PDB file of all heavy atoms in Angstrom:
ATOM      1  N   ASP A   1       0.821  -1.209   0.000  1.00  0.00           N
ATOM      2  CA  ASP A   1       0.000   0.000   0.000  1.00  0.00           C
ATOM      3  C   ASP A   1       0.855   1.259   0.000  1.00  0.00           C
ATOM      4  O   ASP A   1       0.426   2.314  -0.490  1.00  0.00           O
ATOM      5  CB  ASP A   1      -0.918   0.007   1.228  1.00  0.00           C
ATOM      6  CG  ASP A   1      -1.958  -1.105   1.184  1.00  0.00           C
ATOM      7  OD1 ASP A   1      -2.224  -1.613   0.073  1.00  0.00           O
ATOM      8  OD2 ASP A   1      -2.480  -1.476   2.250  1.00  0.00           O
ATOM      9  N   PHE A   2       2.059   1.154   0.538  1.00  0.00           N
ATOM     10  CA  PHE A   2       2.961   2.300   0.637  1.00  0.00           C
ATOM     11  C   PHE A   2       3.474   2.736  -0.734  1.00  0.00           C
ATOM     12  O   PHE A   2       3.785   3.902  -0.949  1.00  0.00           O
ATOM     13  CB  PHE A   2       4.130   1.913   1.553  1.00  0.00           C
ATOM     14  CG  PHE A   2       5.049   3.051   1.916  1.00  0.00           C
ATOM     15  CD1 PHE A   2       4.556   4.194   2.506  1.00  0.00           C
ATOM     16  CD2 PHE A   2       6.405   2.959   1.677  1.00  0.00           C
ATOM     17  CE1 PHE A   2       5.404   5.240   2.853  1.00  0.00           C
ATOM     18  CE2 PHE A   2       7.265   3.981   2.014  1.00  0.00           C
ATOM     19  CZ  PHE A   2       6.757   5.134   2.608  1.00  0.00           C
ATOM     20  N   ARG A   3       3.542   1.797  -1.672  1.00  0.00           N
ATOM     21  CA  ARG A   3       4.129   2.103  -2.985  1.00  0.00           C
ATOM     22  C   ARG A   3       3.248   3.023  -3.816  1.00  0.00           C
ATOM     23  O   ARG A   3       3.748   3.805  -4.635  1.00  0.00           O
ATOM     24  CB  ARG A   3       4.411   0.813  -3.746  1.00  0.00           C
ATOM     25  CG  ARG A   3       5.513  -0.016  -3.126  1.00  0.00           C
ATOM     26  CD  ARG A   3       5.908  -1.166  -4.032  1.00  0.00           C
ATOM     27  NE  ARG A   3       4.818  -2.111  -4.235  1.00  0.00           N
ATOM     28  CZ  ARG A   3       4.905  -3.152  -5.061  1.00  0.00           C
ATOM     29  NH1 ARG A   3       6.021  -3.353  -5.748  1.00  0.00           N
ATOM     30  NH2 ARG A   3       3.903  -3.998  -5.193  1.00  0.00           N
ATOM     31  N   ALA A   4       1.933   2.960  -3.660  1.00  0.00           N
ATOM     32  CA  ALA A   4       1.026   3.760  -4.491  1.00  0.00           C
ATOM     33  C   ALA A   4       1.237   5.262  -4.315  1.00  0.00           C
ATOM     34  O   ALA A   4       1.410   5.987  -5.308  1.00  0.00           O
ATOM     35  CB  ALA A   4      -0.425   3.366  -4.208  1.00  0.00           C
ATOM     36  N   PRO A   5       1.241   5.806  -3.080  1.00  0.00           N
ATOM     37  CA  PRO A   5       1.490   7.251  -2.947  1.00  0.00           C
ATOM     38  C   PRO A   5       2.884   7.671  -3.394  1.00  0.00           C
ATOM     39  O   PRO A   5       3.085   8.792  -3.871  1.00  0.00           O
ATOM     40  CB  PRO A   5       1.273   7.514  -1.452  1.00  0.00           C
ATOM     41  CG  PRO A   5       1.388   6.195  -0.785  1.00  0.00           C
ATOM     42  CD  PRO A   5       0.913   5.187  -1.773  1.00  0.00           C
ATOM     43  N   LEU A   6       3.877   6.771  -3.249  1.00  0.00           N
ATOM     44  CA  LEU A   6       5.217   7.110  -3.734  1.00  0.00           C
ATOM     45  C   LEU A   6       5.222   7.259  -5.255  1.00  0.00           C
ATOM     46  O   LEU A   6       5.843   8.185  -5.796  1.00  0.00           O
ATOM     47  CB  LEU A   6       6.211   6.020  -3.311  1.00  0.00           C
ATOM     48  CG  LEU A   6       6.621   5.985  -1.851  1.00  0.00           C
ATOM     49  CD1 LEU A   6       7.509   4.789  -1.578  1.00  0.00           C
ATOM     50  CD2 LEU A   6       7.341   7.267  -1.458  1.00  0.00           C
ATOM     51  N   THR A   7       4.536   6.354  -5.932  1.00  0.00           N
ATOM     52  CA  THR A   7       4.448   6.447  -7.393  1.00  0.00           C
ATOM     53  C   THR A   7       3.758   7.736  -7.809  1.00  0.00           C
ATOM     54  O   THR A   7       4.184   8.415  -8.758  1.00  0.00           O
ATOM     55  CB  THR A   7       3.691   5.236  -7.956  1.00  0.00           C
ATOM     56  OG1 THR A   7       4.367   4.035  -7.569  1.00  0.00           O
ATOM     57  CG2 THR A   7       3.604   5.302  -9.469  1.00  0.00           C
ATOM     58  N   ALA A   8       2.694   8.095  -7.093  1.00  0.00           N
ATOM     59  CA  ALA A   8       1.980   9.333  -7.411  1.00  0.00           C
ATOM     60  C   ALA A   8       2.862  10.552  -7.183  1.00  0.00           C
ATOM     61  O   ALA A   8       2.893  11.479  -8.009  1.00  0.00           O
ATOM     62  CB  ALA A   8       0.710   9.422  -6.565  1.00  0.00           C
ATOM     63  N   THR A   9       3.585  10.569  -6.066  1.00  0.00           N
ATOM     64  CA  THR A   9       4.468  11.709  -5.767  1.00  0.00           C
ATOM     65  C   THR A   9       5.547  11.859  -6.829  1.00  0.00           C
ATOM     66  O   THR A   9       5.875  12.977  -7.253  1.00  0.00           O
ATOM     67  CB  THR A   9       5.106  11.528  -4.382  1.00  0.00           C
ATOM     68  OG1 THR A   9       4.082  11.376  -3.396  1.00  0.00           O
ATOM     69  CG2 THR A   9       5.971  12.717  -4.019  1.00  0.00           C
ATOM     70  N   ASN A  10       6.109  10.738  -7.261  1.00  0.00           N
ATOM     71  CA  ASN A  10       7.124  10.779  -8.307  1.00  0.00           C
ATOM     72  C   ASN A  10       6.541  11.360  -9.599  1.00  0.00           C
ATOM     73  O   ASN A  10       7.180  12.161 -10.284  1.00  0.00           O
ATOM     74  CB  ASN A  10       7.651   9.369  -8.560  1.00  0.00           C
ATOM     75  CG  ASN A  10       8.715   9.329  -9.639  1.00  0.00           C
ATOM     76  OD1 ASN A  10       9.671  10.097  -9.618  1.00  0.00           O
ATOM     77  ND2 ASN A  10       8.544   8.434 -10.598  1.00  0.00           N
ATOM     78  N   GLY A  11       5.300  10.966  -9.921  1.00  0.00           N
ATOM     79  CA  GLY A  11       4.657  11.497 -11.121  1.00  0.00           C
ATOM     80  C   GLY A  11       4.398  12.988 -11.038  1.00  0.00           C
ATOM     81  O   GLY A  11       4.593  13.722 -12.024  1.00  0.00           O
ATOM     82  N   TYR A  12       3.984  13.469  -9.850  1.00  0.00           N
ATOM     83  CA  TYR A  12       3.735  14.899  -9.686  1.00  0.00           C
ATOM     84  C   TYR A  12       5.028  15.705  -9.827  1.00  0.00           C
ATOM     85  O   TYR A  12       5.044  16.795 -10.424  1.00  0.00           O
ATOM     86  CB  TYR A  12       3.113  15.171  -8.314  1.00  0.00           C
ATOM     87  CG  TYR A  12       1.708  14.651  -8.171  1.00  0.00           C
ATOM     88  CD1 TYR A  12       1.273  14.091  -6.971  1.00  0.00           C
ATOM     89  CD2 TYR A  12       0.805  14.708  -9.239  1.00  0.00           C
ATOM     90  CE1 TYR A  12      -0.013  13.589  -6.834  1.00  0.00           C
ATOM     91  CE2 TYR A  12      -0.482  14.208  -9.106  1.00  0.00           C
ATOM     92  CZ  TYR A  12      -0.886  13.655  -7.916  1.00  0.00           C
ATOM     93  OH  TYR A  12      -2.165  13.176  -7.775  1.00  0.00           O
ATOM     94  N   CYS A  13       6.131  15.180  -9.286  1.00  0.00           N
ATOM     95  CA  CYS A  13       7.420  15.870  -9.434  1.00  0.00           C
ATOM     96  C   CYS A  13       7.804  15.970 -10.908  1.00  0.00           C
ATOM     97  O   CYS A  13       8.262  17.021 -11.380  1.00  0.00           O
ATOM     98  CB  CYS A  13       8.509  15.128  -8.658  1.00  0.00           C
ATOM     99  SG  CYS A  13       8.400  15.271  -6.860  1.00  0.00           S
ATOM    100  N   GLY A  14       7.606  14.864 -11.629  1.00  0.00           N
ATOM    101  CA  GLY A  14       7.915  14.887 -13.058  1.00  0.00           C
ATOM    102  C   GLY A  14       7.047  15.868 -13.820  1.00  0.00           C
ATOM    103  O   GLY A  14       7.528  16.568 -14.734  1.00  0.00           O
ATOM    104  N   LEU A  15       5.764  15.943 -13.435  1.00  0.00           N
ATOM    105  CA  LEU A  15       4.860  16.885 -14.097  1.00  0.00           C
ATOM    106  C   LEU A  15       5.294  18.324 -13.861  1.00  0.00           C
ATOM    107  O   LEU A  15       5.310  19.150 -14.790  1.00  0.00           O
ATOM    108  CB  LEU A  15       3.435  16.666 -13.578  1.00  0.00           C
ATOM    109  CG  LEU A  15       2.350  17.609 -14.125  1.00  0.00           C
ATOM    110  CD1 LEU A  15       2.194  17.420 -15.630  1.00  0.00           C
ATOM    111  CD2 LEU A  15       1.025  17.367 -13.406  1.00  0.00           C
ATOM    112  N   LEU A  16       5.658  18.643 -12.620  1.00  0.00           N
ATOM    113  CA  LEU A  16       6.109  20.010 -12.321  1.00  0.00           C
ATOM    114  C   LEU A  16       7.393  20.351 -13.068  1.00  0.00           C
ATOM    115  O   LEU A  16       7.572  21.483 -13.530  1.00  0.00           O
ATOM    116  CB  LEU A  16       6.315  20.161 -10.813  1.00  0.00           C
ATOM    117  CG  LEU A  16       5.046  20.135  -9.952  1.00  0.00           C
ATOM    118  CD1 LEU A  16       5.409  20.103  -8.474  1.00  0.00           C
ATOM    119  CD2 LEU A  16       4.168  21.354 -10.255  1.00  0.00           C
ATOM    120  N   LEU A  17       8.295  19.370 -13.192  1.00  0.00           N
ATOM    121  CA  LEU A  17       9.561  19.632 -13.890  1.00  0.00           C
ATOM    122  C   LEU A  17       9.363  19.910 -15.377  1.00  0.00           C
ATOM    123  O   LEU A  17      10.208  20.554 -16.012  1.00  0.00           O
ATOM    124  CB  LEU A  17      10.507  18.444 -13.701  1.00  0.00           C
ATOM    125  CG  LEU A  17      11.177  18.332 -12.325  1.00  0.00           C
ATOM    126  CD1 LEU A  17      11.904  17.011 -12.168  1.00  0.00           C
ATOM    127  CD2 LEU A  17      12.146  19.500 -12.113  1.00  0.00           C
ATOM    128  N   THR A  18       8.276  19.419 -15.948  1.00  0.00           N
ATOM    129  CA  THR A  18       7.992  19.729 -17.358  1.00  0.00           C
ATOM    130  C   THR A  18       7.487  21.152 -17.534  1.00  0.00           C
ATOM    131  O   THR A  18       7.369  21.626 -18.674  1.00  0.00           O
ATOM    132  CB  THR A  18       6.945  18.767 -17.918  1.00  0.00           C
ATOM    133  OG1 THR A  18       5.699  18.935 -17.229  1.00  0.00           O
ATOM    134  CG2 THR A  18       7.408  17.316 -17.795  1.00  0.00           C
ATOM    135  N   GLU A  19       7.195  21.812 -16.412  1.00  0.00           N
ATOM    136  CA  GLU A  19       6.663  23.190 -16.408  1.00  0.00           C
ATOM    137  C   GLU A  19       5.310  23.290 -17.103  1.00  0.00           C
ATOM    138  O   GLU A  19       4.917  24.356 -17.575  1.00  0.00           O
ATOM    139  CB  GLU A  19       7.657  24.162 -17.052  1.00  0.00           C
ATOM    140  CG  GLU A  19       8.982  24.228 -16.317  1.00  0.00           C
ATOM    141  CD  GLU A  19       9.927  25.285 -16.865  1.00  0.00           C
ATOM    142  OE1 GLU A  19      10.217  25.219 -18.084  1.00  0.00           O
ATOM    143  OE2 GLU A  19      10.339  26.161 -16.101  1.00  0.00           O
ATOM    144  N   ALA A  20       4.576  22.188 -17.136  1.00  0.00           N
ATOM    145  CA  ALA A  20       3.230  22.218 -17.718  1.00  0.00           C
ATOM    146  C   ALA A  20       2.272  23.033 -16.860  1.00  0.00           C
ATOM    147  O   ALA A  20       1.264  23.556 -17.360  1.00  0.00           O
ATOM    148  CB  ALA A  20       2.702  20.791 -17.874  1.00  0.00           C
ATOM    149  N   LEU A  21       2.568  23.177 -15.571  1.00  0.00           N
ATOM    150  CA  LEU A  21       1.699  23.940 -14.665  1.00  0.00           C
ATOM    151  C   LEU A  21       2.263  25.315 -14.339  1.00  0.00           C
ATOM    152  O   LEU A  21       1.750  26.010 -13.468  1.00  0.00           O
ATOM    153  CB  LEU A  21       1.490  23.150 -13.361  1.00  0.00           C
ATOM    154  CG  LEU A  21       0.882  21.752 -13.513  1.00  0.00           C
ATOM    155  CD1 LEU A  21       0.714  21.083 -12.157  1.00  0.00           C
ATOM    156  CD2 LEU A  21      -0.460  21.832 -14.225  1.00  0.00           C
ATOM    157  N   GLY A  22       3.306  25.715 -15.029  1.00  0.00           N
ATOM    158  CA  GLY A  22       3.902  27.029 -14.794  1.00  0.00           C
ATOM    159  C   GLY A  22       5.412  26.961 -14.826  1.00  0.00           C
ATOM    160  O   GLY A  22       6.009  25.904 -14.611  1.00  0.00           O
ATOM    161  N   THR A  23       6.028  28.083 -15.100  1.00  0.00           N
ATOM    162  CA  THR A  23       7.487  28.132 -15.191  1.00  0.00           C
ATOM    163  C   THR A  23       8.117  28.049 -13.806  1.00  0.00           C
ATOM    164  O   THR A  23       7.533  28.467 -12.802  1.00  0.00           O
ATOM    165  CB  THR A  23       7.933  29.432 -15.887  1.00  0.00           C
ATOM    166  OG1 THR A  23       7.434  30.558 -15.146  1.00  0.00           O
ATOM    167  CG2 THR A  23       7.417  29.480 -17.316  1.00  0.00           C
ATOM    168  N   LEU A  24       9.326  27.502 -13.763  1.00  0.00           N
ATOM    169  CA  LEU A  24      10.071  27.353 -12.526  1.00  0.00           C
ATOM    170  C   LEU A  24      11.454  27.953 -12.690  1.00  0.00           C
ATOM    171  O   LEU A  24      12.039  27.915 -13.797  1.00  0.00           O
ATOM    172  CB  LEU A  24      10.210  25.872 -12.149  1.00  0.00           C
ATOM    173  CG  LEU A  24       8.924  25.056 -11.952  1.00  0.00           C
ATOM    174  CD1 LEU A  24       9.285  23.583 -11.783  1.00  0.00           C
ATOM    175  CD2 LEU A  24       8.148  25.547 -10.747  1.00  0.00           C
ATOM    176  N   ASN A  25      11.988  28.510 -11.598  1.00  0.00           N
ATOM    177  CA  ASN A  25      13.372  28.984 -11.673  1.00  0.00           C
ATOM    178  C   ASN A  25      14.315  27.814 -11.402  1.00  0.00           C
ATOM    179  O   ASN A  25      13.899  26.709 -11.051  1.00  0.00           O
ATOM    180  CB  ASN A  25      13.602  30.136 -10.698  1.00  0.00           C
ATOM    181  CG  ASN A  25      13.338  29.749  -9.247  1.00  0.00           C
ATOM    182  OD1 ASN A  25      13.712  28.665  -8.808  1.00  0.00           O
ATOM    183  ND2 ASN A  25      12.681  30.646  -8.495  1.00  0.00           N
ATOM    184  N   SER A  26      15.591  28.026 -11.548  1.00  0.00           N
ATOM    185  CA  SER A  26      16.570  26.947 -11.453  1.00  0.00           C
ATOM    186  C   SER A  26      16.610  26.323 -10.059  1.00  0.00           C
ATOM    187  O   SER A  26      16.778  25.107  -9.917  1.00  0.00           O
ATOM    188  CB  SER A  26      17.958  27.465 -11.829  1.00  0.00           C
ATOM    189  OG  SER A  26      18.339  28.542 -10.977  1.00  0.00           O
ATOM    190  N   ASP A  27      16.453  27.143  -9.008  1.00  0.00           N
ATOM    191  CA  ASP A  27      16.464  26.596  -7.648  1.00  0.00           C
ATOM    192  C   ASP A  27      15.266  25.689  -7.410  1.00  0.00           C
ATOM    193  O   ASP A  27      15.389  24.626  -6.780  1.00  0.00           O
ATOM    194  CB  ASP A  27      16.463  27.736  -6.632  1.00  0.00           C
ATOM    195  CG  ASP A  27      17.781  28.496  -6.603  1.00  0.00           C
ATOM    196  OD1 ASP A  27      18.797  27.924  -7.043  1.00  0.00           O
ATOM    197  OD2 ASP A  27      17.786  29.654  -6.139  1.00  0.00           O
ATOM    198  N   GLN A  28      14.102  26.092  -7.904  1.00  0.00           N
ATOM    199  CA  GLN A  28      12.912  25.264  -7.735  1.00  0.00           C
ATOM    200  C   GLN A  28      13.052  23.926  -8.462  1.00  0.00           C
ATOM    201  O   GLN A  28      12.668  22.877  -7.946  1.00  0.00           O
ATOM    202  CB  GLN A  28      11.683  26.023  -8.235  1.00  0.00           C
ATOM    203  CG  GLN A  28      11.301  27.218  -7.372  1.00  0.00           C
ATOM    204  CD  GLN A  28      10.231  28.076  -8.019  1.00  0.00           C
ATOM    205  OE1 GLN A  28      10.149  28.173  -9.254  1.00  0.00           O
ATOM    206  NE2 GLN A  28       9.412  28.738  -7.198  1.00  0.00           N
ATOM    207  N   LYS A  29      13.621  23.975  -9.672  1.00  0.00           N
ATOM    208  CA  LYS A  29      13.835  22.744 -10.423  1.00  0.00           C
ATOM    209  C   LYS A  29      14.794  21.813  -9.688  1.00  0.00           C
ATOM    210  O   LYS A  29      14.590  20.591  -9.648  1.00  0.00           O
ATOM    211  CB  LYS A  29      14.368  23.060 -11.815  1.00  0.00           C
ATOM    212  CG  LYS A  29      13.350  23.677 -12.756  1.00  0.00           C
ATOM    213  CD  LYS A  29      13.962  23.887 -14.134  1.00  0.00           C
ATOM    214  CE  LYS A  29      12.934  24.465 -15.108  1.00  0.00           C
ATOM    215  NZ  LYS A  29      13.505  24.671 -16.454  1.00  0.00           N
ATOM    216  N   GLU A  30      15.844  22.403  -9.090  1.00  0.00           N
ATOM    217  CA  GLU A  30      16.812  21.580  -8.377  1.00  0.00           C
ATOM    218  C   GLU A  30      16.166  20.907  -7.169  1.00  0.00           C
ATOM    219  O   GLU A  30      16.412  19.729  -6.888  1.00  0.00           O
ATOM    220  CB  GLU A  30      18.003  22.431  -7.926  1.00  0.00           C
ATOM    221  CG  GLU A  30      19.077  21.675  -7.141  1.00  0.00           C
ATOM    222  CD  GLU A  30      19.707  20.555  -7.956  1.00  0.00           C
ATOM    223  OE1 GLU A  30      19.689  20.623  -9.197  1.00  0.00           O
ATOM    224  OE2 GLU A  30      20.227  19.610  -7.320  1.00  0.00           O
ATOM    225  N   VAL A  31      15.320  21.641  -6.433  1.00  0.00           N
ATOM    226  CA  VAL A  31      14.618  21.057  -5.292  1.00  0.00           C
ATOM    227  C   VAL A  31      13.715  19.913  -5.747  1.00  0.00           C
ATOM    228  O   VAL A  31      13.674  18.834  -5.136  1.00  0.00           O
ATOM    229  CB  VAL A  31      13.799  22.132  -4.548  1.00  0.00           C
ATOM    230  CG1 VAL A  31      12.865  21.481  -3.525  1.00  0.00           C
ATOM    231  CG2 VAL A  31      14.719  23.118  -3.846  1.00  0.00           C
ATOM    232  N   LEU A  32      12.997  20.107  -6.854  1.00  0.00           N
ATOM    233  CA  LEU A  32      12.110  19.061  -7.367  1.00  0.00           C
ATOM    234  C   LEU A  32      12.893  17.836  -7.816  1.00  0.00           C
ATOM    235  O   LEU A  32      12.461  16.694  -7.603  1.00  0.00           O
ATOM    236  CB  LEU A  32      11.274  19.601  -8.524  1.00  0.00           C
ATOM    237  CG  LEU A  32      10.072  20.466  -8.138  1.00  0.00           C
ATOM    238  CD1 LEU A  32       9.452  21.098  -9.376  1.00  0.00           C
ATOM    239  CD2 LEU A  32       9.029  19.626  -7.406  1.00  0.00           C
ATOM    240  N   ARG A  33      14.048  18.054  -8.428  1.00  0.00           N
ATOM    241  CA  ARG A  33      14.859  16.915  -8.862  1.00  0.00           C
ATOM    242  C   ARG A  33      15.348  16.114  -7.655  1.00  0.00           C
ATOM    243  O   ARG A  33      15.377  14.876  -7.684  1.00  0.00           O
ATOM    244  CB  ARG A  33      16.043  17.400  -9.712  1.00  0.00           C
ATOM    245  CG  ARG A  33      15.694  17.641 -11.179  1.00  0.00           C
ATOM    246  CD  ARG A  33      16.935  17.836 -12.017  1.00  0.00           C
ATOM    247  NE  ARG A  33      17.530  19.147 -11.774  1.00  0.00           N
ATOM    248  CZ  ARG A  33      17.283  20.231 -12.475  1.00  0.00           C
ATOM    249  NH1 ARG A  33      16.426  20.173 -13.496  1.00  0.00           N
ATOM    250  NH2 ARG A  33      17.867  21.383 -12.204  1.00  0.00           N
ATOM    251  N   ARG A  34      15.741  16.826  -6.581  1.00  0.00           N
ATOM    252  CA  ARG A  34      16.179  16.126  -5.374  1.00  0.00           C
ATOM    253  C   ARG A  34      15.018  15.372  -4.736  1.00  0.00           C
ATOM    254  O   ARG A  34      15.186  14.249  -4.243  1.00  0.00           O
ATOM    255  CB  ARG A  34      16.786  17.122  -4.382  1.00  0.00           C
ATOM    256  CG  ARG A  34      18.143  17.678  -4.828  1.00  0.00           C
ATOM    257  CD  ARG A  34      18.703  18.662  -3.826  1.00  0.00           C
ATOM    258  NE  ARG A  34      20.008  19.157  -4.237  1.00  0.00           N
ATOM    259  CZ  ARG A  34      21.163  18.569  -3.938  1.00  0.00           C
ATOM    260  NH1 ARG A  34      21.152  17.458  -3.216  1.00  0.00           N
ATOM    261  NH2 ARG A  34      22.306  19.078  -4.334  1.00  0.00           N
ATOM    262  N   MET A  35      13.835  15.993  -4.732  1.00  0.00           N
ATOM    263  CA  MET A  35      12.654  15.303  -4.212  1.00  0.00           C
ATOM    264  C   MET A  35      12.369  14.045  -5.019  1.00  0.00           C
ATOM    265  O   MET A  35      12.094  12.977  -4.463  1.00  0.00           O
ATOM    266  CB  MET A  35      11.439  16.240  -4.255  1.00  0.00           C
ATOM    267  CG  MET A  35      11.444  17.338  -3.218  1.00  0.00           C
ATOM    268  SD  MET A  35      10.035  18.462  -3.423  1.00  0.00           S
ATOM    269  CE  MET A  35       8.666  17.303  -3.322  1.00  0.00           C
ATOM    270  N   GLN A  36      12.438  14.177  -6.340  1.00  0.00           N
ATOM    271  CA  GLN A  36      12.155  13.029  -7.202  1.00  0.00           C
ATOM    272  C   GLN A  36      13.179  11.931  -6.985  1.00  0.00           C
ATOM    273  O   GLN A  36      12.841  10.739  -6.969  1.00  0.00           O
ATOM    274  CB  GLN A  36      12.135  13.472  -8.661  1.00  0.00           C
ATOM    275  CG  GLN A  36      11.565  12.444  -9.611  1.00  0.00           C
ATOM    276  CD  GLN A  36      11.429  12.987 -11.016  1.00  0.00           C
ATOM    277  OE1 GLN A  36      12.303  13.686 -11.522  1.00  0.00           O
ATOM    278  NE2 GLN A  36      10.319  12.649 -11.674  1.00  0.00           N
ATOM    279  N   HIS A  37      14.428  12.331  -6.810  1.00  0.00           N
ATOM    280  CA  HIS A  37      15.490  11.348  -6.555  1.00  0.00           C
ATOM    281  C   HIS A  37      15.205  10.578  -5.259  1.00  0.00           C
ATOM    282  O   HIS A  37      15.315   9.341  -5.207  1.00  0.00           O
ATOM    283  CB  HIS A  37      16.836  12.059  -6.473  1.00  0.00           C
ATOM    284  CG  HIS A  37      17.968  11.166  -6.055  1.00  0.00           C
ATOM    285  ND1 HIS A  37      18.532  10.239  -6.890  1.00  0.00           N
ATOM    286  CD2 HIS A  37      18.632  11.065  -4.866  1.00  0.00           C
ATOM    287  CE1 HIS A  37      19.505   9.596  -6.253  1.00  0.00           C
ATOM    288  NE2 HIS A  37      19.582  10.085  -5.023  1.00  0.00           N
ATOM    289  N   SER A  38      14.817  11.290  -4.191  1.00  0.00           N
ATOM    290  CA  SER A  38      14.529  10.648  -2.911  1.00  0.00           C
ATOM    291  C   SER A  38      13.304   9.749  -3.007  1.00  0.00           C
ATOM    292  O   SER A  38      13.280   8.646  -2.442  1.00  0.00           O
ATOM    293  CB  SER A  38      14.312  11.717  -1.824  1.00  0.00           C
ATOM    294  OG  SER A  38      15.495  12.475  -1.615  1.00  0.00           O
ATOM    295  N   VAL A  39      12.287  10.204  -3.727  1.00  0.00           N
ATOM    296  CA  VAL A  39      11.073   9.407  -3.875  1.00  0.00           C
ATOM    297  C   VAL A  39      11.374   8.123  -4.638  1.00  0.00           C
ATOM    298  O   VAL A  39      10.866   7.047  -4.301  1.00  0.00           O
ATOM    299  CB  VAL A  39       9.975  10.217  -4.585  1.00  0.00           C
ATOM    300  CG1 VAL A  39       8.818   9.314  -4.996  1.00  0.00           C
ATOM    301  CG2 VAL A  39       9.461  11.325  -3.682  1.00  0.00           C
TER     302      VAL A  39
END
C-alpha cells in the first residue's frame, strides 16, 4: 500500500519539472529533482 502514494508523488514531481503547470526557476527545479530522486 505504501508504494502507491510514492508512485503518485514521483509522477507529480515529473509533471512540475515539465513546467506544464507554470514556469520554474533553477532553484525550484533543483529542489524538485532532489525530491524526485529521494522518492
